[in-house]
Amino acid sequence: MGMMDFVRSSYDLGEHFTNTRCQTKDIEEGIGGTMTQYWIAPDGVLYWIDYSHTSDFVELKEGDDGYDDERKLLNFQWIPNGTRGGVRVHPITKYIEIYPEQWNGKWEDWPRCKIHFKYGKVQDYEDVTGR
């Protein structure tokens, strides 16, 4: 099935798609998904949640917490550096389809929503479940 991207919408997209974690493979061109997180704001603007540069990849030295003498070449660890990350407008113009990450019914009935973005803002959307 591959990797997905995650979308949480504060914009009203209907019962199954608002304020819940949804998945998609449609945002990133040609690669399907990279586990990137997106947020649709209440005004319909799409944002990319950017956690880059929030941790440093450091080599553990003998005596450091987590150091393992048996793992000579693998004594590295991601350490949070205090940078908080941010959000950036994602100005795509395209149609994407999202669906809730969790569903307790038959897969054929899994809710699906098609959203049209123009320059990163929702233009319209439609529940396409069962089509």
C-alpha atoms as a PDB file:
ATOM      1  CA  MET A   1       0.000   0.000   0.000  1.00  0.00           C
ATOM      2  CA  GLY A   2       2.922   2.384   0.561  1.00  0.00           C
ATOM      3  CA  MET A   3       3.263   5.570   2.537  1.00  0.00           C
ATOM      4  CA  MET A   4       0.601   8.242   2.883  1.00  0.00           C
ATOM      5  CA  ASP A   5       0.464  11.901   3.741  1.00  0.00           C
ATOM      6  CA  PHE A   6      -1.742  13.037   6.609  1.00  0.00           C
ATOM      7  CA  VAL A   7      -4.342  15.811   6.491  1.00  0.00           C
ATOM      8  CA  ARG A   8      -6.294  17.294   9.380  1.00  0.00           C
ATOM      9  CA  SER A   9      -9.005  19.774   8.431  1.00  0.00           C
ATOM     10  CA  SER A  10     -10.408  22.544  10.603  1.00  0.00           C
ATOM     11  CA  TYR A  11     -12.352  23.625   7.504  1.00  0.00           C
ATOM     12  CA  ASP A  12     -15.832  22.071   7.454  1.00  0.00           C
ATOM     13  CA  LEU A  13     -15.615  19.167   4.993  1.00  0.00           C
ATOM     14  CA  GLY A  14     -18.465  17.217   6.533  1.00  0.00           C
ATOM     15  CA  GLU A  15     -18.921  14.639   9.248  1.00  0.00           C
ATOM     16  CA  HIS A  16     -16.131  12.173   8.405  1.00  0.00           C
ATOM     17  CA  PHE A  17     -13.432  14.616   7.293  1.00  0.00           C
ATOM     18  CA  THR A  18     -13.441  17.538   9.743  1.00  0.00           C
ATOM     19  CA  ASN A  19     -11.239  17.561  12.857  1.00  0.00           C
ATOM     20  CA  THR A  20     -10.051  14.010  12.253  1.00  0.00           C
ATOM     21  CA  ARG A  21      -6.810  12.623  10.909  1.00  0.00           C
ATOM     22  CA  CYS A  22      -7.189  11.719   7.231  1.00  0.00           C
ATOM     23  CA  GLN A  23      -4.819  10.221   4.675  1.00  0.00           C
ATOM     24  CA  THR A  24      -4.046  10.913   1.031  1.00  0.00           C
ATOM     25  CA  LYS A  25      -1.572   9.972  -1.694  1.00  0.00           C
ATOM     26  CA  ASP A  26      -2.569  12.839  -3.984  1.00  0.00           C
ATOM     27  CA  ILE A  27      -0.744  15.936  -2.709  1.00  0.00           C
ATOM     28  CA  GLU A  28       2.816  15.118  -3.749  1.00  0.00           C
ATOM     29  CA  GLU A  29       3.324  14.647  -7.490  1.00  0.00           C
ATOM     30  CA  GLY A  30       4.469  11.227  -8.644  1.00  0.00           C
ATOM     31  CA  ILE A  31       5.617   9.783  -5.329  1.00  0.00           C
ATOM     32  CA  GLY A  32       2.356   9.012  -3.559  1.00  0.00           C
ATOM     33  CA  GLY A  33       3.201  10.091  -0.042  1.00  0.00           C
ATOM     34  CA  THR A  34       6.074  10.756   2.331  1.00  0.00           C
ATOM     35  CA  MET A  35       4.248  10.816   5.684  1.00  0.00           C
ATOM     36  CA  THR A  36       4.126  14.616   5.488  1.00  0.00           C
ATOM     37  CA  GLN A  37       1.544  16.365   7.641  1.00  0.00           C
ATOM     38  CA  TYR A  38      -0.863  18.990   6.294  1.00  0.00           C
ATOM     39  CA  TRP A  39      -3.558  21.123   7.880  1.00  0.00           C
ATOM     40  CA  ILE A  40      -6.540  22.828   6.268  1.00  0.00           C
ATOM     41  CA  ALA A  41      -7.281  25.970   8.284  1.00  0.00           C
ATOM     42  CA  PRO A  42     -10.847  27.145   9.032  1.00  0.00           C
ATOM     43  CA  ASP A  43     -10.584  29.607   6.106  1.00  0.00           C
ATOM     44  CA  GLY A  44      -9.745  26.731   3.693  1.00  0.00           C
ATOM     45  CA  VAL A  45      -6.014  27.434   3.275  1.00  0.00           C
ATOM     46  CA  LEU A  46      -3.753  24.363   3.065  1.00  0.00           C
ATOM     47  CA  TYR A  47      -0.635  24.392   5.240  1.00  0.00           C
ATOM     48  CA  TRP A  48       2.367  22.075   5.337  1.00  0.00           C
ATOM     49  CA  ILE A  49       3.470  21.296   8.911  1.00  0.00           C
ATOM     50  CA  ASP A  50       7.261  21.651   8.867  1.00  0.00           C
ATOM     51  CA  TYR A  51       9.283  19.874  11.546  1.00  0.00           C
ATOM     52  CA  SER A  52      12.611  20.178   9.733  1.00  0.00           C
ATOM     53  CA  HIS A  53      15.618  21.244  11.817  1.00  0.00           C
ATOM     54  CA  THR A  54      13.859  20.557  15.144  1.00  0.00           C
ATOM     55  CA  SER A  55      16.358  17.827  16.142  1.00  0.00           C
ATOM     56  CA  ASP A  56      20.061  17.228  15.679  1.00  0.00           C
ATOM     57  CA  PHE A  57      21.619  13.907  14.693  1.00  0.00           C
ATOM     58  CA  VAL A  58      24.472  13.434  17.168  1.00  0.00           C
ATOM     59  CA  GLU A  59      27.086  10.779  17.762  1.00  0.00           C
ATOM     60  CA  LEU A  60      26.987   9.258  21.230  1.00  0.00           C
ATOM     61  CA  LYS A  61      30.352   8.983  22.955  1.00  0.00           C
ATOM     62  CA  GLU A  62      31.395   6.360  25.464  1.00  0.00           C
ATOM     63  CA  GLY A  63      29.741   7.275  28.782  1.00  0.00           C
ATOM     64  CA  ASP A  64      26.744   9.060  27.164  1.00  0.00           C
ATOM     65  CA  ASP A  65      23.218   7.851  27.980  1.00  0.00           C
ATOM     66  CA  GLY A  66      22.206   5.363  25.300  1.00  0.00           C
ATOM     67  CA  TYR A  67      25.768   4.523  24.253  1.00  0.00           C
ATOM     68  CA  ASP A  68      26.177   0.796  23.502  1.00  0.00           C
ATOM     69  CA  ASP A  69      29.697  -0.595  23.161  1.00  0.00           C
ATOM     70  CA  GLU A  70      28.327  -3.462  21.018  1.00  0.00           C
ATOM     71  CA  ARG A  71      27.029  -1.004  18.386  1.00  0.00           C
ATOM     72  CA  LYS A  72      30.282   0.727  17.466  1.00  0.00           C
ATOM     73  CA  LEU A  73      29.048   2.286  14.211  1.00  0.00           C
ATOM     74  CA  LEU A  74      25.431   2.775  15.281  1.00  0.00           C
ATOM     75  CA  ASN A  75      25.816   5.027  18.300  1.00  0.00           C
ATOM     76  CA  PHE A  76      23.829   7.957  16.936  1.00  0.00           C
ATOM     77  CA  GLN A  77      20.616   9.541  18.173  1.00  0.00           C
ATOM     78  CA  TRP A  78      18.169  12.288  17.231  1.00  0.00           C
ATOM     79  CA  ILE A  79      18.175  14.930  20.000  1.00  0.00           C
ATOM     80  CA  PRO A  80      15.526  17.712  20.082  1.00  0.00           C
ATOM     81  CA  ASN A  81      17.273  21.090  19.795  1.00  0.00           C
ATOM     82  CA  GLY A  82      14.510  23.450  20.950  1.00  0.00           C
ATOM     83  CA  THR A  83      13.505  24.647  17.486  1.00  0.00           C
ATOM     84  CA  ARG A  84       9.732  24.475  17.256  1.00  0.00           C
ATOM     85  CA  GLY A  85       9.104  23.994  13.536  1.00  0.00           C
ATOM     86  CA  GLY A  86       6.391  25.898  11.739  1.00  0.00           C
ATOM     87  CA  VAL A  87       3.618  25.931   9.197  1.00  0.00           C
ATOM     88  CA  ARG A  88       3.887  27.045   5.591  1.00  0.00           C
ATOM     89  CA  VAL A  89       1.168  27.702   3.037  1.00  0.00           C
ATOM     90  CA  HIS A  90       1.194  24.922   0.435  1.00  0.00           C
ATOM     91  CA  PRO A  91      -0.023  26.661  -2.750  1.00  0.00           C
ATOM     92  CA  ILE A  92      -1.149  23.645  -4.800  1.00  0.00           C
ATOM     93  CA  THR A  93      -3.712  23.808  -7.575  1.00  0.00           C
ATOM     94  CA  LYS A  94      -5.240  20.367  -8.034  1.00  0.00           C
ATOM     95  CA  TYR A  95      -7.835  17.873  -6.866  1.00  0.00           C
ATOM     96  CA  ILE A  96      -6.947  15.540  -4.011  1.00  0.00           C
ATOM     97  CA  GLU A  97      -8.890  12.748  -2.330  1.00  0.00           C
ATOM     98  CA  ILE A  98      -8.752  12.181   1.418  1.00  0.00           C
ATOM     99  CA  TYR A  99     -10.226   9.504   3.644  1.00  0.00           C
ATOM    100  CA  PRO A 100     -10.297   9.026   7.434  1.00  0.00           C
ATOM    101  CA  GLU A 101      -7.332   7.159   8.864  1.00  0.00           C
ATOM    102  CA  GLN A 102      -9.636   4.946  10.959  1.00  0.00           C
ATOM    103  CA  TRP A 103     -12.897   3.346   9.788  1.00  0.00           C
ATOM    104  CA  ASN A 104     -14.939   0.599  11.467  1.00  0.00           C
ATOM    105  CA  GLY A 105     -17.101  -0.387   8.517  1.00  0.00           C
ATOM    106  CA  LYS A 106     -16.584  -2.283   5.277  1.00  0.00           C
ATOM    107  CA  TRP A 107     -13.755  -0.991   3.126  1.00  0.00           C
ATOM    108  CA  GLU A 108     -16.213  -0.416   0.255  1.00  0.00           C
ATOM    109  CA  ASP A 109     -18.022   2.100   2.473  1.00  0.00           C
ATOM    110  CA  TRP A 110     -14.863   3.919   3.630  1.00  0.00           C
ATOM    111  CA  PRO A 111     -15.687   7.654   3.399  1.00  0.00           C
ATOM    112  CA  ARG A 112     -13.829   9.561   0.666  1.00  0.00           C
ATOM    113  CA  CYS A 113     -13.792  13.290   0.011  1.00  0.00           C
ATOM    114  CA  LYS A 114     -12.526  14.954  -3.170  1.00  0.00           C
ATOM    115  CA  ILE A 115     -11.205  18.486  -2.559  1.00  0.00           C
ATOM    116  CA  HIS A 116     -10.370  21.082  -5.217  1.00  0.00           C
ATOM    117  CA  PHE A 117      -7.553  23.478  -4.274  1.00  0.00           C
ATOM    118  CA  LYS A 118      -6.582  26.567  -6.243  1.00  0.00           C
ATOM    119  CA  TYR A 119      -3.371  28.273  -5.128  1.00  0.00           C
ATOM    120  CA  GLY A 120      -3.611  26.419  -1.812  1.00  0.00           C
ATOM    121  CA  LYS A 121      -7.212  27.353  -0.969  1.00  0.00           C
ATOM    122  CA  VAL A 122     -10.256  25.066  -0.992  1.00  0.00           C
ATOM    123  CA  GLN A 123     -12.513  25.949  -3.912  1.00  0.00           C
ATOM    124  CA  ASP A 124     -15.022  23.160  -3.409  1.00  0.00           C
ATOM    125  CA  TYR A 125     -15.294  19.608  -2.123  1.00  0.00           C
ATOM    126  CA  GLU A 126     -17.540  16.602  -2.547  1.00  0.00           C
ATOM    127  CA  ASP A 127     -18.147  13.414  -0.586  1.00  0.00           C
ATOM    128  CA  VAL A 128     -17.466  10.740  -3.232  1.00  0.00           C
ATOM    129  CA  THR A 129     -18.029   7.716  -0.984  1.00  0.00           C
ATOM    130  CA  GLY A 130     -19.400   4.741  -2.889  1.00  0.00           C
ATOM    131  CA  ARG A 131     -18.737   6.068  -6.400  1.00  0.00           C
END
